[in-house]
Amino acid sequence: MDHSILPEDSGKQPVMPRTDEEKQKVLNRLKRIEGQVRGIQKMIEEDRYCVDVLVQISAINAALKKVGFSLMERHTNHCVADAIHKGNGDEAIQELIKVMEQFSKS
């Protein structure tokens, strides 16, 4: 199996474009995470206790993983399933495995 890292931009498009509602949900989550990151920056500026900062970093990591898993679920249900139905499942499954490996390292 090829364990190479996936490119940052594959040049591909989703089989089924995200709905406005789906986009908004993900964007809202990312904006919350962005706010949490700004909060950590302020904590550092204020020289807050290390453990308090680390707890917030852990919360951000968990929130990012949740966003990632929701995107991975959608990808599997739409893009990978579509590729399998069209007979191109091997490539899509290998790509999914690579992204899962990459995701699990973070």
N, C-alpha and C. Protein backbone atom coordinates (compact mmCIF):
# COMPACT_ATOMS: atom_id res chain seq x y z
N MET A 1 0.84 -1.18 0.00
CA MET A 1 0.00 0.00 0.00
C MET A 1 0.89 1.24 0.00
N ASP A 2 0.54 2.24 -0.79
CA ASP A 2 1.27 3.49 -0.86
C ASP A 2 0.91 4.35 0.34
N HIS A 3 1.91 4.67 1.16
CA HIS A 3 1.66 5.47 2.36
C HIS A 3 2.03 6.93 2.17
N SER A 4 2.05 7.39 0.93
CA SER A 4 2.42 8.78 0.69
C SER A 4 1.35 9.72 1.23
N ILE A 5 1.79 10.92 1.50
CA ILE A 5 0.88 11.93 2.03
C ILE A 5 0.02 12.47 0.89
N LEU A 6 -1.22 12.72 1.19
CA LEU A 6 -2.14 13.26 0.19
C LEU A 6 -1.81 14.72 -0.08
N PRO A 7 -2.05 15.19 -1.32
CA PRO A 7 -1.78 16.60 -1.62
C PRO A 7 -2.77 17.50 -0.89
N GLU A 8 -2.36 18.76 -0.66
CA GLU A 8 -3.26 19.70 0.01
C GLU A 8 -4.48 20.01 -0.86
N ASP A 9 -4.31 19.96 -2.18
CA ASP A 9 -5.42 20.22 -3.10
C ASP A 9 -5.39 19.15 -4.18
N SER A 10 -6.36 18.26 -4.13
CA SER A 10 -6.41 17.16 -5.10
C SER A 10 -6.92 17.63 -6.46
N GLY A 11 -7.56 18.79 -6.49
CA GLY A 11 -8.16 19.27 -7.73
C GLY A 11 -9.52 18.65 -8.01
N LYS A 12 -9.97 17.78 -7.12
CA LYS A 12 -11.26 17.11 -7.30
C LYS A 12 -12.39 17.95 -6.71
N GLN A 13 -13.59 17.64 -7.12
CA GLN A 13 -14.80 18.29 -6.59
C GLN A 13 -15.67 17.23 -5.94
N PRO A 14 -16.46 17.61 -4.91
CA PRO A 14 -17.37 16.63 -4.32
C PRO A 14 -18.36 16.12 -5.36
N VAL A 15 -18.71 14.84 -5.27
CA VAL A 15 -19.70 14.25 -6.17
C VAL A 15 -21.03 14.99 -6.01
N MET A 16 -21.37 15.27 -4.76
CA MET A 16 -22.60 16.00 -4.45
C MET A 16 -22.20 17.24 -3.67
N PRO A 17 -22.34 18.42 -4.27
CA PRO A 17 -21.94 19.65 -3.57
C PRO A 17 -22.63 19.76 -2.20
N ARG A 18 -21.90 20.35 -1.25
CA ARG A 18 -22.47 20.55 0.08
C ARG A 18 -23.65 21.52 0.00
N THR A 19 -24.67 21.24 0.77
CA THR A 19 -25.81 22.15 0.82
C THR A 19 -25.40 23.41 1.59
N ASP A 20 -26.16 24.46 1.44
CA ASP A 20 -25.88 25.68 2.19
C ASP A 20 -25.92 25.41 3.69
N GLU A 21 -26.85 24.55 4.11
CA GLU A 21 -26.96 24.20 5.53
C GLU A 21 -25.72 23.46 6.02
N GLU A 22 -25.24 22.52 5.20
CA GLU A 22 -24.02 21.78 5.56
C GLU A 22 -22.82 22.73 5.67
N LYS A 23 -22.69 23.61 4.69
CA LYS A 23 -21.60 24.58 4.71
C LYS A 23 -21.67 25.44 5.97
N GLN A 24 -22.87 25.91 6.27
CA GLN A 24 -23.02 26.80 7.42
C GLN A 24 -22.68 26.10 8.73
N LYS A 25 -23.09 24.84 8.87
CA LYS A 25 -22.76 24.08 10.09
C LYS A 25 -21.25 23.97 10.27
N VAL A 26 -20.55 23.62 9.19
CA VAL A 26 -19.09 23.47 9.28
C VAL A 26 -18.44 24.82 9.54
N LEU A 27 -18.88 25.84 8.83
CA LEU A 27 -18.31 27.18 9.03
C LEU A 27 -18.54 27.68 10.45
N ASN A 28 -19.73 27.43 11.00
CA ASN A 28 -20.00 27.85 12.38
C ASN A 28 -19.07 27.15 13.36
N ARG A 29 -18.86 25.85 13.16
CA ARG A 29 -17.94 25.12 14.03
C ARG A 29 -16.53 25.68 13.92
N LEU A 30 -16.09 25.96 12.69
CA LEU A 30 -14.75 26.49 12.49
C LEU A 30 -14.60 27.89 13.10
N LYS A 31 -15.65 28.68 13.02
CA LYS A 31 -15.60 30.02 13.64
C LYS A 31 -15.49 29.91 15.15
N ARG A 32 -16.20 28.94 15.74
CA ARG A 32 -16.07 28.72 17.18
C ARG A 32 -14.65 28.32 17.54
N ILE A 33 -14.07 27.44 16.74
CA ILE A 33 -12.69 27.01 16.97
C ILE A 33 -11.75 28.20 16.83
N GLU A 34 -11.98 29.02 15.83
CA GLU A 34 -11.16 30.22 15.64
C GLU A 34 -11.22 31.11 16.88
N GLY A 35 -12.41 31.24 17.45
CA GLY A 35 -12.57 32.02 18.69
C GLY A 35 -11.81 31.40 19.85
N GLN A 36 -11.82 30.06 19.91
CA GLN A 36 -11.07 29.38 20.96
C GLN A 36 -9.57 29.63 20.80
N VAL A 37 -9.08 29.63 19.58
CA VAL A 37 -7.66 29.89 19.32
C VAL A 37 -7.31 31.31 19.76
N ARG A 38 -8.16 32.26 19.43
CA ARG A 38 -7.92 33.64 19.88
C ARG A 38 -7.91 33.71 21.41
N GLY A 39 -8.78 32.92 22.05
CA GLY A 39 -8.80 32.88 23.50
C GLY A 39 -7.49 32.36 24.07
N ILE A 40 -6.91 31.37 23.42
CA ILE A 40 -5.63 30.84 23.87
C ILE A 40 -4.53 31.89 23.68
N GLN A 41 -4.59 32.61 22.58
CA GLN A 41 -3.60 33.68 22.36
C GLN A 41 -3.66 34.69 23.50
N LYS A 42 -4.87 35.03 23.90
CA LYS A 42 -5.05 35.98 25.00
C LYS A 42 -4.53 35.39 26.31
N MET A 43 -4.78 34.09 26.51
CA MET A 43 -4.28 33.43 27.72
C MET A 43 -2.75 33.50 27.78
N ILE A 44 -2.09 33.32 26.65
CA ILE A 44 -0.63 33.40 26.60
C ILE A 44 -0.18 34.83 26.90
N GLU A 45 -0.85 35.79 26.28
CA GLU A 45 -0.51 37.20 26.54
C GLU A 45 -0.66 37.54 28.01
N GLU A 46 -1.66 36.94 28.66
CA GLU A 46 -1.92 37.21 30.08
C GLU A 46 -1.09 36.30 31.00
N ASP A 47 -0.22 35.47 30.41
CA ASP A 47 0.64 34.56 31.15
C ASP A 47 -0.15 33.64 32.08
N ARG A 48 -1.20 33.05 31.51
CA ARG A 48 -2.05 32.14 32.28
C ARG A 48 -1.34 30.83 32.56
N TYR A 49 -1.82 30.11 33.53
CA TYR A 49 -1.27 28.84 33.98
C TYR A 49 -1.23 27.83 32.83
N CYS A 50 -0.09 27.15 32.69
CA CYS A 50 0.14 26.23 31.57
C CYS A 50 -0.97 25.19 31.41
N VAL A 51 -1.39 24.60 32.52
CA VAL A 51 -2.41 23.54 32.45
C VAL A 51 -3.72 24.10 31.91
N ASP A 52 -4.07 25.31 32.28
CA ASP A 52 -5.29 25.93 31.76
C ASP A 52 -5.21 26.09 30.24
N VAL A 53 -4.04 26.50 29.75
CA VAL A 53 -3.84 26.65 28.31
C VAL A 53 -3.91 25.29 27.63
N LEU A 54 -3.26 24.31 28.22
CA LEU A 54 -3.26 22.96 27.63
C LEU A 54 -4.66 22.36 27.57
N VAL A 55 -5.47 22.62 28.56
CA VAL A 55 -6.86 22.13 28.55
C VAL A 55 -7.61 22.75 27.37
N GLN A 56 -7.37 24.03 27.11
CA GLN A 56 -8.03 24.69 25.98
C GLN A 56 -7.52 24.15 24.65
N ILE A 57 -6.23 23.87 24.56
CA ILE A 57 -5.66 23.28 23.34
C ILE A 57 -6.29 21.91 23.09
N SER A 58 -6.46 21.13 24.15
CA SER A 58 -7.09 19.83 24.02
C SER A 58 -8.52 19.96 23.51
N ALA A 59 -9.24 20.96 23.99
CA ALA A 59 -10.62 21.19 23.54
C ALA A 59 -10.65 21.55 22.05
N ILE A 60 -9.69 22.34 21.61
CA ILE A 60 -9.63 22.72 20.20
C ILE A 60 -9.32 21.49 19.34
N ASN A 61 -8.37 20.67 19.78
CA ASN A 61 -8.06 19.44 19.04
C ASN A 61 -9.30 18.56 18.91
N ALA A 62 -10.05 18.41 19.98
CA ALA A 62 -11.26 17.59 19.95
C ALA A 62 -12.29 18.19 18.99
N ALA A 63 -12.44 19.50 19.01
CA ALA A 63 -13.40 20.16 18.11
C ALA A 63 -12.99 19.99 16.65
N LEU A 64 -11.70 20.11 16.36
CA LEU A 64 -11.23 19.93 14.98
C LEU A 64 -11.44 18.48 14.53
N LYS A 65 -11.18 17.53 15.41
CA LYS A 65 -11.41 16.12 15.05
C LYS A 65 -12.88 15.88 14.74
N LYS A 66 -13.76 16.51 15.51
CA LYS A 66 -15.20 16.35 15.28
C LYS A 66 -15.59 16.88 13.90
N VAL A 67 -15.04 18.02 13.52
CA VAL A 67 -15.30 18.57 12.19
C VAL A 67 -14.75 17.62 11.13
N GLY A 68 -13.54 17.14 11.35
CA GLY A 68 -12.93 16.21 10.40
C GLY A 68 -13.72 14.94 10.23
N PHE A 69 -14.18 14.37 11.34
CA PHE A 69 -14.97 13.14 11.24
C PHE A 69 -16.29 13.38 10.51
N SER A 70 -16.90 14.54 10.71
CA SER A 70 -18.16 14.80 10.01
C SER A 70 -17.91 14.94 8.51
N LEU A 71 -16.78 15.56 8.13
CA LEU A 71 -16.45 15.66 6.70
C LEU A 71 -16.10 14.29 6.12
N MET A 72 -15.40 13.48 6.91
CA MET A 72 -15.03 12.14 6.45
C MET A 72 -16.28 11.27 6.26
N GLU A 73 -17.22 11.42 7.17
CA GLU A 73 -18.47 10.66 7.06
C GLU A 73 -19.22 11.04 5.79
N ARG A 74 -19.31 12.34 5.52
CA ARG A 74 -20.00 12.80 4.31
C ARG A 74 -19.27 12.30 3.07
N HIS A 75 -17.94 12.39 3.09
CA HIS A 75 -17.14 11.93 1.95
C HIS A 75 -17.39 10.45 1.68
N THR A 76 -17.41 9.66 2.73
CA THR A 76 -17.63 8.22 2.59
C THR A 76 -19.02 7.94 2.02
N ASN A 77 -20.02 8.61 2.56
CA ASN A 77 -21.41 8.36 2.15
C ASN A 77 -21.72 8.86 0.74
N HIS A 78 -20.98 9.84 0.27
CA HIS A 78 -21.28 10.39 -1.06
C HIS A 78 -20.19 10.03 -2.08
N CYS A 79 -19.00 10.56 -1.88
CA CYS A 79 -17.94 10.42 -2.88
C CYS A 79 -17.46 8.97 -3.01
N VAL A 80 -17.15 8.33 -1.89
CA VAL A 80 -16.65 6.96 -1.95
C VAL A 80 -17.76 6.02 -2.43
N ALA A 81 -18.95 6.17 -1.89
CA ALA A 81 -20.07 5.31 -2.32
C ALA A 81 -20.34 5.47 -3.82
N ASP A 82 -20.28 6.70 -4.32
CA ASP A 82 -20.50 6.94 -5.75
C ASP A 82 -19.43 6.25 -6.59
N ALA A 83 -18.17 6.36 -6.14
CA ALA A 83 -17.07 5.71 -6.87
C ALA A 83 -17.25 4.19 -6.90
N ILE A 84 -17.68 3.62 -5.79
CA ILE A 84 -17.91 2.17 -5.73
C ILE A 84 -19.01 1.77 -6.71
N HIS A 85 -20.10 2.54 -6.71
CA HIS A 85 -21.22 2.23 -7.62
C HIS A 85 -20.81 2.34 -9.09
N LYS A 86 -19.84 3.24 -9.37
CA LYS A 86 -19.39 3.42 -10.76
C LYS A 86 -18.23 2.50 -11.12
N GLY A 87 -17.82 1.64 -10.18
CA GLY A 87 -16.74 0.70 -10.46
C GLY A 87 -15.34 1.25 -10.22
N ASN A 88 -15.24 2.42 -9.61
CA ASN A 88 -13.94 3.04 -9.31
C ASN A 88 -13.65 3.02 -7.81
N GLY A 89 -14.16 2.03 -7.14
CA GLY A 89 -14.08 2.00 -5.69
C GLY A 89 -12.68 1.83 -5.13
N ASP A 90 -11.82 1.07 -5.82
CA ASP A 90 -10.49 0.81 -5.28
C ASP A 90 -9.72 2.11 -5.03
N GLU A 91 -9.70 2.99 -6.00
CA GLU A 91 -8.98 4.26 -5.86
C GLU A 91 -9.57 5.10 -4.72
N ALA A 92 -10.90 5.18 -4.67
CA ALA A 92 -11.56 5.97 -3.63
C ALA A 92 -11.31 5.39 -2.25
N ILE A 93 -11.30 4.09 -2.13
CA ILE A 93 -11.06 3.44 -0.83
C ILE A 93 -9.62 3.67 -0.40
N GLN A 94 -8.67 3.55 -1.32
CA GLN A 94 -7.27 3.80 -0.98
C GLN A 94 -7.06 5.25 -0.55
N GLU A 95 -7.72 6.17 -1.23
CA GLU A 95 -7.64 7.58 -0.86
C GLU A 95 -8.22 7.79 0.55
N LEU A 96 -9.34 7.14 0.83
CA LEU A 96 -9.97 7.24 2.15
C LEU A 96 -9.06 6.67 3.23
N ILE A 97 -8.43 5.55 2.95
CA ILE A 97 -7.52 4.95 3.92
C ILE A 97 -6.35 5.90 4.20
N LYS A 98 -5.80 6.50 3.15
CA LYS A 98 -4.70 7.45 3.33
C LYS A 98 -5.11 8.63 4.20
N VAL A 99 -6.29 9.17 3.93
CA VAL A 99 -6.72 10.33 4.70
C VAL A 99 -7.01 9.93 6.15
N MET A 100 -7.52 8.71 6.36
CA MET A 100 -7.76 8.24 7.73
C MET A 100 -6.43 8.06 8.46
N GLU A 101 -5.42 7.53 7.77
CA GLU A 101 -4.09 7.39 8.39
C GLU A 101 -3.53 8.76 8.75
N GLN A 102 -3.63 9.69 7.82
CA GLN A 102 -3.13 11.05 8.05
C GLN A 102 -3.90 11.70 9.20
N PHE A 103 -5.19 11.51 9.22
CA PHE A 103 -6.05 12.10 10.24
C PHE A 103 -5.74 11.53 11.62
N SER A 104 -5.44 10.25 11.68
CA SER A 104 -5.20 9.62 12.96
C SER A 104 -3.85 10.01 13.56
N LYS A 105 -2.96 10.55 12.76
CA LYS A 105 -1.65 11.00 13.24
C LYS A 105 -1.73 12.33 13.95
N SER A 106 -2.77 13.08 13.69
CA SER A 106 -2.87 14.42 14.28
C SER A 106 -3.34 14.39 15.71
